[in-house]
C-alpha atoms as a PDB file:
ATOM      1  CA  MET A   1      -3.399  -8.833 -11.285  1.00  0.00           C
ATOM      2  CA  ALA A   2      -4.377 -11.351 -13.942  1.00  0.00           C
ATOM      3  CA  ASP A   3      -0.770 -10.686 -16.177  1.00  0.00           C
ATOM      4  CA  ILE A   4       0.398 -11.871 -12.058  1.00  0.00           C
ATOM      5  CA  VAL A   5      -1.742 -14.342 -11.687  1.00  0.00           C
ATOM      6  CA  ALA A   6      -1.151 -16.341 -15.020  1.00  0.00           C
ATOM      7  CA  GLU A   7       2.528 -15.757 -14.453  1.00  0.00           C
ATOM      8  CA  ASN A   8       2.508 -17.499 -11.712  1.00  0.00           C
ATOM      9  CA  PRO A   9      -0.471 -19.043 -10.034  1.00  0.00           C
ATOM     10  CA  SER A  10       0.772 -20.420  -6.944  1.00  0.00           C
ATOM     11  CA  THR A  11       1.418 -16.112  -5.514  1.00  0.00           C
ATOM     12  CA  ALA A  12      -2.357 -13.957  -5.636  1.00  0.00           C
ATOM     13  CA  GLN A  13      -1.160  -9.799  -5.240  1.00  0.00           C
ATOM     14  CA  THR A  14      -1.614  -8.868  -1.943  1.00  0.00           C
ATOM     15  CA  ALA A  15      -1.347  -4.861  -2.050  1.00  0.00           C
ATOM     16  CA  GLY A  16       1.887  -5.359  -3.795  1.00  0.00           C
ATOM     17  CA  ALA A  17       3.386  -8.197  -2.230  1.00  0.00           C
ATOM     18  CA  ALA A  18       3.495 -11.732  -3.567  1.00  0.00           C
ATOM     19  CA  ARG A  19       0.960 -14.041  -0.728  1.00  0.00           C
ATOM     20  CA  ILE A  20       1.789 -18.226  -1.122  1.00  0.00           C
ATOM     21  CA  PRO A  21      -1.973 -18.923  -0.782  1.00  0.00           C
ATOM     22  CA  VAL A  22      -2.749 -21.280   2.381  1.00  0.00           C
ATOM     23  CA  VAL A  23      -5.469 -24.273   1.770  1.00  0.00           C
ATOM     24  CA  LEU A  24      -6.915 -26.001   4.841  1.00  0.00           C
ATOM     25  CA  GLN A  25      -8.713 -28.565   4.425  1.00  0.00           C
ATOM     26  CA  LEU A  26     -11.413 -30.053   5.917  1.00  0.00           C
ATOM     27  CA  VAL A  27     -11.410 -34.271   6.333  1.00  0.00           C
ATOM     28  CA  SER A  28     -13.358 -36.497   9.127  1.00  0.00           C
ATOM     29  CA  ARG A  29     -11.111 -39.128   9.083  1.00  0.00           C
ATOM     30  CA  LEU A  30      -8.030 -39.863   7.209  1.00  0.00           C
ATOM     31  CA  ASP A  31      -8.502 -44.319   6.956  1.00  0.00           C
ATOM     32  CA  ALA A  32      -9.949 -45.625   3.299  1.00  0.00           C
ATOM     33  CA  GLY A  33     -12.272 -43.382   2.368  1.00  0.00           C
ATOM     34  CA  LEU A  34     -12.170 -41.352  -1.227  1.00  0.00           C
ATOM     35  CA  ALA A  35     -13.234 -38.015   1.159  1.00  0.00           C
ATOM     36  CA  ALA A  36      -9.487 -38.773   2.994  1.00  0.00           C
ATOM     37  CA  ARG A  37      -8.044 -39.727  -0.347  1.00  0.00           C
ATOM     38  CA  VAL A  38      -8.672 -36.918  -2.420  1.00  0.00           C
ATOM     39  CA  ALA A  39      -7.466 -34.172   0.675  1.00  0.00           C
ATOM     40  CA  ILE A  40      -3.907 -36.516   1.022  1.00  0.00           C
ATOM     41  CA  ASP A  41      -3.197 -35.496  -2.671  1.00  0.00           C
ATOM     42  CA  THR A  42      -5.112 -32.223  -2.976  1.00  0.00           C
ATOM     43  CA  ALA A  43      -2.436 -31.766  -0.428  1.00  0.00           C
ATOM     44  CA  ILE A  44      -0.192 -32.482  -2.265  1.00  0.00           C
ATOM     45  CA  ALA A  45      -0.750 -31.295  -5.231  1.00  0.00           C
ATOM     46  CA  VAL A  46      -1.277 -27.598  -3.546  1.00  0.00           C
ATOM     47  CA  LYS A  47       2.500 -28.011  -2.138  1.00  0.00           C
ATOM     48  CA  ASN A  48       3.844 -28.814  -5.593  1.00  0.00           C
ATOM     49  CA  ALA A  49       1.971 -26.001  -7.080  1.00  0.00           C
ATOM     50  CA  GLY A  50       4.000 -23.273  -4.686  1.00  0.00           C
ATOM     51  CA  GLY A  51       1.104 -23.477  -1.732  1.00  0.00           C
ATOM     52  CA  ARG A  52       1.178 -24.212   1.834  1.00  0.00           C
ATOM     53  CA  ALA A  53      -0.936 -26.700   2.997  1.00  0.00           C
ATOM     54  CA  LEU A  54      -2.941 -28.078   5.869  1.00  0.00           C
ATOM     55  CA  VAL A  55      -4.820 -31.324   6.315  1.00  0.00           C
ATOM     56  CA  ALA A  56      -6.745 -30.597   9.974  1.00  0.00           C
ATOM     57  CA  SER A  57      -8.461 -34.515  10.972  1.00  0.00           C
ATOM     58  CA  GLY A  58      -9.917 -36.434  12.873  1.00  0.00           C
ATOM     59  CA  GLY A  59      -6.853 -38.997  12.824  1.00  0.00           C
ATOM     60  CA  GLY A  60      -6.124 -42.655  11.148  1.00  0.00           C
ATOM     61  CA  PRO A  61      -3.330 -44.266   9.247  1.00  0.00           C
ATOM     62  CA  TYR A  62      -3.222 -42.442   6.336  1.00  0.00           C
ATOM     63  CA  ALA A  63      -1.812 -39.472   8.590  1.00  0.00           C
ATOM     64  CA  HIS A  64       1.823 -40.205   7.680  1.00  0.00           C
ATOM     65  CA  GLU A  65       1.436 -39.798   3.948  1.00  0.00           C
ATOM     66  CA  LEU A  66       0.989 -35.859   5.146  1.00  0.00           C
ATOM     67  CA  GLU A  67       4.192 -36.134   6.757  1.00  0.00           C
ATOM     68  CA  ARG A  68       5.640 -37.927   4.399  1.00  0.00           C
ATOM     69  CA  ALA A  69       5.024 -35.353   1.711  1.00  0.00           C
ATOM     70  CA  GLY A  70       5.557 -32.560   4.606  1.00  0.00           C
ATOM     71  CA  ILE A  71       2.440 -31.247   4.781  1.00  0.00           C
ATOM     72  CA  ARG A  72       1.193 -30.474   8.547  1.00  0.00           C
ATOM     73  CA  HIS A  73      -1.669 -32.404   9.913  1.00  0.00           C
ATOM     74  CA  ILE A  74      -3.814 -30.716  12.784  1.00  0.00           C
ATOM     75  CA  ALA A  75      -5.725 -33.125  15.162  1.00  0.00           C
ATOM     76  CA  PHE A  76      -9.282 -31.846  14.632  1.00  0.00           C
ATOM     77  CA  PRO A  77     -11.726 -33.612  15.881  1.00  0.00           C
ATOM     78  CA  VAL A  78     -14.428 -32.696  12.744  1.00  0.00           C
ATOM     79  CA  THR A  79     -17.122 -35.574  13.518  1.00  0.00           C
ATOM     80  CA  ASN A  80     -18.944 -34.717  17.032  1.00  0.00           C
ATOM     81  CA  ASP A  81     -22.686 -33.641  16.428  1.00  0.00           C
ATOM     82  CA  ALA A  82     -23.209 -32.946  20.469  1.00  0.00           C
ATOM     83  CA  ASP A  83     -23.331 -29.025  20.182  1.00  0.00           C
ATOM     84  CA  PHE A  84     -21.366 -27.930  22.706  1.00  0.00           C
ATOM     85  CA  ALA A  85     -18.520 -30.000  20.711  1.00  0.00           C
ATOM     86  CA  ARG A  86     -19.755 -27.901  17.534  1.00  0.00           C
ATOM     87  CA  TRP A  87     -19.501 -24.037  19.451  1.00  0.00           C
ATOM     88  CA  SER A  88     -16.459 -25.221  20.849  1.00  0.00           C
ATOM     89  CA  SER A  89     -14.866 -26.078  17.392  1.00  0.00           C
ATOM     90  CA  MET A  90     -16.537 -22.831  15.457  1.00  0.00           C
ATOM     91  CA  ARG A  91     -14.093 -21.669  18.474  1.00  0.00           C
ATOM     92  CA  ARG A  92     -10.672 -23.242  17.510  1.00  0.00           C
ATOM     93  CA  LEU A  93     -11.719 -23.513  14.003  1.00  0.00           C
ATOM     94  CA  ARG A  94     -11.941 -19.197  14.083  1.00  0.00           C
ATOM     95  CA  ARG A  95      -8.713 -19.130  15.278  1.00  0.00           C
ATOM     96  CA  LEU A  96      -6.948 -22.135  13.574  1.00  0.00           C
ATOM     97  CA  LEU A  97      -8.038 -19.664  10.346  1.00  0.00           C
ATOM     98  CA  ARG A  98      -6.712 -16.651  11.624  1.00  0.00           C
ATOM     99  CA  SER A  99      -2.608 -18.032  13.265  1.00  0.00           C
ATOM    100  CA  GLU A 100      -2.118 -20.241   9.366  1.00  0.00           C
ATOM    101  CA  ASN A 101      -3.293 -16.912   7.650  1.00  0.00           C
ATOM    102  CA  VAL A 102      -5.843 -19.480   5.421  1.00  0.00           C
ATOM    103  CA  SER A 103      -6.306 -18.981   2.082  1.00  0.00           C
ATOM    104  CA  ILE A 104      -9.164 -21.549   1.326  1.00  0.00           C
ATOM    105  CA  VAL A 105     -10.821 -23.887   3.468  1.00  0.00           C
ATOM    106  CA  HIS A 106     -12.071 -27.460   1.745  1.00  0.00           C
ATOM    107  CA  THR A 107     -14.208 -29.622   4.142  1.00  0.00           C
END
């Protein structure tokens, strides 16, 4: 398996079939902050390496950069600390991880 990954680092071998890695990044907002810039740049790098990048955030003025790069942005408020919202977000996150077949979550 190491040989396969070394030959093509953008895929992993799973049960005899290549699987494209799906990376989901969670960011509070896509604004002028450093976390937003890192998320956007990382998503573009993942896509350029052959993976599939997703960014979930509360939105912001830089969401258009993801769209321009062909990367899916998912509206996902991650800053609300109320107990109900936190549990609701966890359920929603689990559904998202399953439906998109996410390999890695970066927060």
